[in-house]
Amino acid sequence: MAIDRIWSYASDSGHVEGQDLTGFTVVASDGTLGRVDRQADPFGMGHLVVDTGVWVFGRSVLVPVGVVTGIDPGGHRLTLACTGAEVKAAPRFQTDSETRDREYLAAVGAYFLRLVTTA
């Protein structure tokens, strides 16, 4: 998988162009992770900011949309191709300005790309 593919939805993910995923429940391969707080696509680097709440590990995480394996619009759920622990180990997301920081986004993309290409 090329690095740019981590920033685009897979053709079999169920994503529909223009679809708003805000509020959808995010499910990792080992359980519920949180909810989509917002989605963005700066520099063509599509990603979701997921609010994990206090019950998982209490912080927001940035997840490239290429990690999304399925979207259920009726159930307002989306699934990821990684575990909660793998998401937790991703480069730390701290501020909204990072969603526009190319270096930070590149580090996140490289991390998640390693996960999905070794799975």
Protein backbone atom coordinates (compact mmCIF):
# COMPACT_ATOMS: atom_id res chain seq x y z
CA MET A 1 0.00 0.00 0.00
CA ALA A 2 1.43 3.39 -0.98
CA ILE A 3 1.61 6.08 1.70
CA ASP A 4 -1.01 8.22 -0.06
CA ARG A 5 -3.54 5.36 0.17
CA ILE A 6 -3.61 5.59 3.97
CA TRP A 7 -5.28 8.99 3.55
CA SER A 8 -8.12 7.73 1.30
CA TYR A 9 -11.03 5.43 2.07
CA ALA A 10 -10.68 1.92 0.63
CA SER A 11 -13.13 1.31 -2.20
CA ASP A 12 -14.78 -1.48 -0.19
CA SER A 13 -15.13 0.53 3.05
CA GLY A 14 -18.67 1.65 2.32
CA HIS A 15 -17.73 5.34 2.36
CA VAL A 16 -19.86 7.65 0.24
CA GLU A 17 -18.35 10.95 -0.93
CA GLY A 18 -19.60 13.82 1.22
CA GLN A 19 -20.76 11.48 3.99
CA ASP A 20 -20.60 13.08 7.45
CA LEU A 21 -19.25 10.59 9.98
CA THR A 22 -19.36 12.97 12.95
CA GLY A 23 -20.86 11.16 15.93
CA PHE A 24 -20.34 7.66 14.50
CA THR A 25 -19.15 5.02 16.97
CA VAL A 26 -15.61 3.84 16.17
CA VAL A 27 -14.91 0.15 16.68
CA ALA A 28 -11.36 -1.23 16.67
CA SER A 29 -10.76 -4.91 15.97
CA ASP A 30 -10.91 -5.59 19.72
CA GLY A 31 -13.81 -3.38 20.78
CA THR A 32 -15.35 0.07 20.88
CA LEU A 33 -12.82 2.89 20.80
CA GLY A 34 -14.93 6.06 20.90
CA ARG A 35 -16.81 8.43 18.59
CA VAL A 36 -15.84 10.54 15.59
CA ASP A 37 -15.49 14.10 16.84
CA ARG A 38 -14.68 15.56 13.42
CA GLN A 39 -13.27 14.71 10.02
CA ALA A 40 -10.88 16.66 7.82
CA ASP A 41 -8.93 16.41 4.57
CA PRO A 42 -6.10 18.99 4.58
CA PHE A 43 -3.53 18.50 1.82
CA GLY A 44 -5.56 15.48 0.62
CA MET A 45 -4.78 13.69 3.90
CA GLY A 46 -8.23 12.48 4.98
CA HIS A 47 -8.51 11.65 8.66
CA LEU A 48 -10.86 11.38 11.60
CA VAL A 49 -10.37 12.84 15.05
CA VAL A 50 -11.77 10.25 17.44
CA ASP A 51 -12.80 11.18 20.98
CA THR A 52 -12.01 8.13 23.08
CA GLY A 53 -13.72 9.52 26.19
CA VAL A 54 -12.48 8.57 29.63
CA TRP A 55 -13.33 4.89 29.44
CA VAL A 56 -10.62 3.84 26.96
CA PHE A 57 -7.56 6.01 27.40
CA GLY A 58 -9.08 9.45 27.74
CA ARG A 59 -7.79 11.41 24.81
CA SER A 60 -8.50 12.24 21.22
CA VAL A 61 -6.63 10.40 18.48
CA LEU A 62 -6.10 11.13 14.82
CA VAL A 63 -6.84 8.18 12.53
CA PRO A 64 -6.19 8.19 8.77
CA VAL A 65 -9.31 7.18 6.81
CA GLY A 66 -7.38 4.41 5.04
CA VAL A 67 -7.61 2.41 8.29
CA VAL A 68 -11.42 2.35 8.05
CA THR A 69 -12.57 -1.11 6.92
CA GLY A 70 -16.32 -0.65 7.09
CA ILE A 71 -19.01 1.97 7.54
CA ASP A 72 -22.53 1.15 8.71
CA PRO A 73 -24.64 4.29 8.11
CA GLY A 74 -27.77 2.76 9.65
CA GLY A 75 -25.97 1.77 12.84
CA HIS A 76 -23.81 4.92 12.88
CA ARG A 77 -20.69 2.75 13.30
CA LEU A 78 -17.39 2.40 11.54
CA THR A 79 -14.73 -0.25 11.99
CA LEU A 80 -10.95 0.01 11.90
CA ALA A 81 -8.25 -2.41 10.76
CA CYS A 82 -6.32 -2.13 14.02
CA THR A 83 -6.68 -2.69 17.75
CA GLY A 84 -7.33 -0.11 20.42
CA ALA A 85 -3.79 -0.60 21.73
CA GLU A 86 -2.36 0.10 18.28
CA VAL A 87 -4.39 3.30 18.04
CA LYS A 88 -3.26 4.27 21.54
CA ALA A 89 0.39 3.81 20.51
CA ALA A 90 0.02 6.18 17.52
CA PRO A 91 1.81 9.54 17.55
CA ARG A 92 0.08 11.59 20.23
CA PHE A 93 -2.58 14.07 19.13
CA GLN A 94 -2.69 17.17 21.31
CA THR A 95 -4.02 20.20 19.43
CA ASP A 96 -6.21 21.00 16.45
CA SER A 97 -3.29 22.76 14.77
CA GLU A 98 -1.71 19.31 14.28
CA THR A 99 -4.48 18.43 11.84
CA ARG A 100 -2.83 20.98 9.52
CA ASP A 101 0.80 20.09 10.32
CA ARG A 102 2.28 18.11 7.42
CA GLU A 103 5.09 16.62 9.54
CA TYR A 104 2.72 15.36 12.19
CA LEU A 105 0.32 13.96 9.58
CA ALA A 106 3.21 12.23 7.79
CA ALA A 107 4.32 10.59 11.07
CA VAL A 108 0.76 9.40 11.76
CA GLY A 109 0.39 8.12 8.20
CA ALA A 110 3.67 6.20 8.34
CA TYR A 111 2.69 4.62 11.68
CA PHE A 112 -0.72 3.42 10.50
CA LEU A 113 0.63 2.34 7.10
CA ARG A 114 3.01 -0.07 8.88
CA LEU A 115 0.03 -1.53 10.76
CA VAL A 116 -2.16 -2.17 7.75
CA THR A 117 0.61 -3.48 5.49
CA THR A 118 1.79 -6.04 8.08
CA ALA A 119 -1.70 -7.23 9.00
